[in-house]
Amino acid sequence: EGASHAVTYYAVVDTAAQKLAWLSLKPVTGRTHQLRVHMMALGHPIVNDPLYGLNADPDRPRRMRLHAWQLHLPHPARGEPMVWEAQPDSWG
């Protein structure tokens, strides 16, 4: 009750040892923490998420394993679509 509606499309890209998965997440709405909350609600939180992950502790700094490989945004003046991509070998 009182929560805003949020929609995220997701697909499993690959798995590792039946414990980890590489997911493709596509947020349709733009809610704060949307991907993190949806993954936690499905019982599969993002690795090292200090707020919504397993053994969450917001006072313990961690490096989350969340990476956007592609961004689609409208140009701020012209409105035309702009796309940025990062290939997996550049994720470091």
N, C-alpha and C. Protein backbone atom coordinates (compact mmCIF):
# COMPACT_ATOMS: atom_id res chain seq x y z
N GLU A 1 0.84 -1.18 0.00
CA GLU A 1 0.00 0.00 0.00
C GLU A 1 0.88 1.25 0.00
N GLY A 2 0.52 2.21 -0.81
CA GLY A 2 1.28 3.45 -0.90
C GLY A 2 2.47 3.39 -1.84
N ALA A 3 2.77 2.21 -2.38
CA ALA A 3 3.91 2.08 -3.29
C ALA A 3 3.50 2.49 -4.70
N SER A 4 4.47 3.00 -5.46
CA SER A 4 4.23 3.36 -6.86
C SER A 4 4.35 2.13 -7.74
N HIS A 5 3.59 2.11 -8.82
CA HIS A 5 3.64 1.01 -9.77
C HIS A 5 4.98 1.02 -10.49
N ALA A 6 5.60 -0.13 -10.66
CA ALA A 6 6.87 -0.24 -11.36
C ALA A 6 6.89 -1.52 -12.18
N VAL A 7 7.47 -1.45 -13.38
CA VAL A 7 7.54 -2.60 -14.28
C VAL A 7 8.99 -2.80 -14.73
N THR A 8 9.47 -4.03 -14.62
CA THR A 8 10.80 -4.41 -15.10
C THR A 8 10.67 -5.70 -15.89
N TYR A 9 11.21 -5.70 -17.11
CA TYR A 9 11.31 -6.94 -17.89
C TYR A 9 12.67 -7.55 -17.60
N TYR A 10 12.72 -8.88 -17.51
CA TYR A 10 14.02 -9.51 -17.25
C TYR A 10 14.11 -10.84 -18.00
N ALA A 11 15.35 -11.25 -18.25
CA ALA A 11 15.62 -12.54 -18.88
C ALA A 11 16.95 -13.06 -18.35
N VAL A 12 17.07 -14.36 -18.18
CA VAL A 12 18.32 -14.97 -17.76
C VAL A 12 19.20 -15.14 -19.00
N VAL A 13 20.40 -14.56 -18.95
CA VAL A 13 21.34 -14.65 -20.06
C VAL A 13 22.22 -15.88 -19.89
N ASP A 14 22.71 -16.12 -18.67
CA ASP A 14 23.59 -17.26 -18.40
C ASP A 14 23.57 -17.53 -16.90
N THR A 15 24.00 -18.73 -16.51
CA THR A 15 24.06 -19.09 -15.09
C THR A 15 25.43 -19.67 -14.77
N ALA A 16 25.76 -19.70 -13.48
CA ALA A 16 27.02 -20.26 -13.02
C ALA A 16 26.77 -21.06 -11.75
N ALA A 17 27.07 -22.36 -11.81
CA ALA A 17 27.01 -23.24 -10.64
C ALA A 17 25.68 -23.20 -9.90
N GLN A 18 24.61 -22.96 -10.59
CA GLN A 18 23.27 -22.90 -10.01
C GLN A 18 23.16 -21.94 -8.83
N LYS A 19 24.10 -20.98 -8.75
CA LYS A 19 24.07 -20.01 -7.65
C LYS A 19 24.05 -18.58 -8.14
N LEU A 20 24.60 -18.34 -9.32
CA LEU A 20 24.67 -16.99 -9.87
C LEU A 20 24.06 -16.98 -11.25
N ALA A 21 23.54 -15.82 -11.64
CA ALA A 21 22.99 -15.68 -12.98
C ALA A 21 23.31 -14.29 -13.52
N TRP A 22 23.56 -14.26 -14.81
CA TRP A 22 23.70 -12.99 -15.52
C TRP A 22 22.33 -12.70 -16.09
N LEU A 23 21.75 -11.58 -15.68
CA LEU A 23 20.40 -11.23 -16.10
C LEU A 23 20.42 -10.01 -17.01
N SER A 24 19.47 -9.97 -17.89
CA SER A 24 19.19 -8.77 -18.67
C SER A 24 17.96 -8.14 -18.03
N LEU A 25 18.10 -6.93 -17.51
CA LEU A 25 17.01 -6.23 -16.84
C LEU A 25 16.66 -4.99 -17.64
N LYS A 26 15.39 -4.80 -17.91
CA LYS A 26 14.94 -3.63 -18.65
C LYS A 26 13.85 -2.92 -17.84
N PRO A 27 14.23 -1.82 -17.17
CA PRO A 27 13.22 -1.09 -16.41
C PRO A 27 12.32 -0.30 -17.37
N VAL A 28 11.02 -0.52 -17.28
CA VAL A 28 10.05 0.20 -18.11
C VAL A 28 9.69 1.52 -17.44
N THR A 29 9.54 1.47 -16.14
CA THR A 29 9.29 2.68 -15.36
C THR A 29 10.61 3.08 -14.72
N GLY A 30 10.71 4.24 -14.19
CA GLY A 30 11.97 4.72 -13.64
C GLY A 30 11.89 5.01 -12.16
N ARG A 31 11.57 4.02 -11.38
CA ARG A 31 11.44 4.21 -9.93
C ARG A 31 12.80 4.07 -9.24
N THR A 32 12.95 4.76 -8.13
CA THR A 32 14.17 4.67 -7.34
C THR A 32 14.39 3.25 -6.86
N HIS A 33 15.58 2.72 -7.07
CA HIS A 33 15.97 1.38 -6.62
C HIS A 33 15.14 0.27 -7.29
N GLN A 34 14.47 0.57 -8.38
CA GLN A 34 13.53 -0.37 -9.01
C GLN A 34 14.14 -1.74 -9.28
N LEU A 35 15.29 -1.80 -9.94
CA LEU A 35 15.88 -3.10 -10.27
C LEU A 35 16.27 -3.85 -9.01
N ARG A 36 16.83 -3.13 -8.06
CA ARG A 36 17.27 -3.76 -6.82
C ARG A 36 16.08 -4.32 -6.04
N VAL A 37 15.01 -3.56 -5.96
CA VAL A 37 13.82 -4.00 -5.22
C VAL A 37 13.16 -5.19 -5.92
N HIS A 38 13.04 -5.13 -7.24
CA HIS A 38 12.41 -6.24 -7.97
C HIS A 38 13.20 -7.53 -7.84
N MET A 39 14.51 -7.45 -7.93
CA MET A 39 15.32 -8.67 -7.80
C MET A 39 15.21 -9.25 -6.40
N MET A 40 15.22 -8.38 -5.38
CA MET A 40 15.06 -8.85 -4.01
C MET A 40 13.69 -9.49 -3.82
N ALA A 41 12.65 -8.88 -4.39
CA ALA A 41 11.29 -9.41 -4.24
C ALA A 41 11.14 -10.78 -4.91
N LEU A 42 11.92 -11.02 -5.96
CA LEU A 42 11.90 -12.32 -6.63
C LEU A 42 12.74 -13.36 -5.90
N GLY A 43 13.45 -12.92 -4.85
CA GLY A 43 14.30 -13.85 -4.10
C GLY A 43 15.68 -14.02 -4.69
N HIS A 44 16.08 -13.11 -5.59
CA HIS A 44 17.38 -13.18 -6.25
C HIS A 44 18.03 -11.80 -6.25
N PRO A 45 18.49 -11.34 -5.07
CA PRO A 45 19.05 -9.99 -5.00
C PRO A 45 20.35 -9.87 -5.79
N ILE A 46 20.70 -8.65 -6.13
CA ILE A 46 21.93 -8.36 -6.84
C ILE A 46 23.11 -8.61 -5.89
N VAL A 47 24.15 -9.24 -6.41
CA VAL A 47 25.32 -9.59 -5.61
C VAL A 47 25.91 -8.34 -4.97
N ASN A 48 26.15 -8.44 -3.67
CA ASN A 48 26.76 -7.38 -2.85
C ASN A 48 25.90 -6.14 -2.68
N ASP A 49 24.61 -6.24 -2.89
CA ASP A 49 23.74 -5.08 -2.68
C ASP A 49 23.67 -4.82 -1.17
N PRO A 50 24.18 -3.66 -0.70
CA PRO A 50 24.23 -3.43 0.75
C PRO A 50 22.86 -3.14 1.37
N LEU A 51 21.87 -2.79 0.57
CA LEU A 51 20.57 -2.42 1.12
C LEU A 51 19.53 -3.52 0.92
N TYR A 52 19.51 -4.16 -0.25
CA TYR A 52 18.47 -5.15 -0.56
C TYR A 52 19.02 -6.56 -0.74
N GLY A 53 20.32 -6.75 -0.54
CA GLY A 53 20.93 -8.05 -0.79
C GLY A 53 20.87 -8.97 0.41
N LEU A 54 21.47 -10.15 0.25
CA LEU A 54 21.59 -11.09 1.36
C LEU A 54 22.50 -10.46 2.41
N ASN A 55 22.16 -10.61 3.66
CA ASN A 55 22.92 -10.03 4.77
C ASN A 55 23.12 -8.53 4.58
N ALA A 56 22.05 -7.84 4.18
CA ALA A 56 22.13 -6.41 3.91
C ALA A 56 22.59 -5.64 5.14
N ASP A 57 23.49 -4.70 4.90
CA ASP A 57 24.00 -3.83 5.95
C ASP A 57 24.41 -2.52 5.28
N PRO A 58 23.54 -1.49 5.34
CA PRO A 58 23.83 -0.24 4.65
C PRO A 58 25.08 0.49 5.16
N ASP A 59 25.59 0.12 6.35
CA ASP A 59 26.79 0.76 6.88
C ASP A 59 28.07 0.10 6.39
N ARG A 60 27.95 -1.02 5.69
CA ARG A 60 29.12 -1.74 5.19
C ARG A 60 29.27 -1.45 3.70
N PRO A 61 30.30 -0.68 3.32
CA PRO A 61 30.45 -0.37 1.88
C PRO A 61 30.80 -1.61 1.08
N ARG A 62 30.15 -1.75 -0.06
CA ARG A 62 30.38 -2.89 -0.94
C ARG A 62 30.32 -2.39 -2.38
N ARG A 63 30.88 -3.16 -3.26
CA ARG A 63 30.80 -2.85 -4.68
C ARG A 63 29.74 -3.77 -5.29
N MET A 64 28.60 -3.18 -5.64
CA MET A 64 27.52 -3.97 -6.23
C MET A 64 27.91 -4.47 -7.61
N ARG A 65 27.35 -5.58 -7.99
CA ARG A 65 27.61 -6.17 -9.30
C ARG A 65 26.43 -5.84 -10.22
N LEU A 66 26.28 -4.56 -10.50
CA LEU A 66 25.20 -4.07 -11.34
C LEU A 66 25.82 -3.16 -12.38
N HIS A 67 25.62 -3.48 -13.65
CA HIS A 67 26.29 -2.74 -14.72
C HIS A 67 25.33 -2.55 -15.89
N ALA A 68 25.22 -1.34 -16.37
CA ALA A 68 24.42 -1.07 -17.57
C ALA A 68 25.32 -1.25 -18.78
N TRP A 69 25.00 -2.18 -19.64
CA TRP A 69 25.82 -2.38 -20.83
C TRP A 69 25.30 -1.54 -21.99
N GLN A 70 24.07 -1.06 -21.86
CA GLN A 70 23.51 -0.24 -22.93
C GLN A 70 22.53 0.77 -22.32
N LEU A 71 22.65 2.03 -22.76
CA LEU A 71 21.74 3.07 -22.31
C LEU A 71 21.07 3.70 -23.53
N HIS A 72 19.77 3.91 -23.45
CA HIS A 72 18.99 4.59 -24.48
C HIS A 72 18.34 5.80 -23.82
N LEU A 73 18.76 6.99 -24.25
CA LEU A 73 18.21 8.21 -23.68
C LEU A 73 17.89 9.20 -24.79
N PRO A 74 16.85 10.00 -24.61
CA PRO A 74 16.56 11.03 -25.61
C PRO A 74 17.54 12.20 -25.48
N HIS A 75 17.92 12.78 -26.61
CA HIS A 75 18.77 13.96 -26.58
C HIS A 75 18.01 15.07 -25.85
N PRO A 76 18.65 15.78 -24.91
CA PRO A 76 17.93 16.75 -24.11
C PRO A 76 17.32 17.92 -24.89
N ALA A 77 17.90 18.28 -26.02
CA ALA A 77 17.38 19.41 -26.79
C ALA A 77 16.53 18.96 -27.97
N ARG A 78 17.01 17.95 -28.69
CA ARG A 78 16.33 17.53 -29.93
C ARG A 78 15.35 16.38 -29.73
N GLY A 79 15.49 15.63 -28.64
CA GLY A 79 14.58 14.53 -28.38
C GLY A 79 14.90 13.25 -29.14
N GLU A 80 15.86 13.30 -30.05
CA GLU A 80 16.20 12.09 -30.83
C GLU A 80 16.92 11.09 -29.93
N PRO A 81 16.75 9.79 -30.22
CA PRO A 81 17.36 8.77 -29.37
C PRO A 81 18.88 8.77 -29.46
N MET A 82 19.52 8.59 -28.32
CA MET A 82 20.97 8.42 -28.24
C MET A 82 21.23 7.08 -27.55
N VAL A 83 22.26 6.36 -28.00
CA VAL A 83 22.56 5.04 -27.45
C VAL A 83 24.04 4.96 -27.09
N TRP A 84 24.33 4.44 -25.90
CA TRP A 84 25.71 4.16 -25.47
C TRP A 84 25.80 2.68 -25.13
N GLU A 85 26.91 2.05 -25.51
CA GLU A 85 27.13 0.62 -25.23
C GLU A 85 28.50 0.39 -24.63
N ALA A 86 28.59 -0.56 -23.72
CA ALA A 86 29.86 -1.04 -23.16
C ALA A 86 29.92 -2.54 -23.40
N GLN A 87 30.97 -2.98 -24.02
CA GLN A 87 31.14 -4.42 -24.27
C GLN A 87 31.57 -5.12 -23.00
N PRO A 88 31.19 -6.40 -22.78
CA PRO A 88 31.51 -7.11 -21.55
C PRO A 88 32.99 -7.12 -21.21
N ASP A 89 33.89 -7.11 -22.20
CA ASP A 89 35.32 -7.15 -21.88
C ASP A 89 35.83 -5.84 -21.29
N SER A 90 35.01 -4.79 -21.27
CA SER A 90 35.42 -3.51 -20.71
C SER A 90 34.85 -3.28 -19.30
N TRP A 91 34.19 -4.27 -18.73
CA TRP A 91 33.49 -4.08 -17.46
C TRP A 91 34.41 -4.02 -16.26
N GLY A 92 35.60 -4.59 -16.37
CA GLY A 92 36.60 -4.54 -15.27
C GLY A 92 36.04 -4.86 -14.00
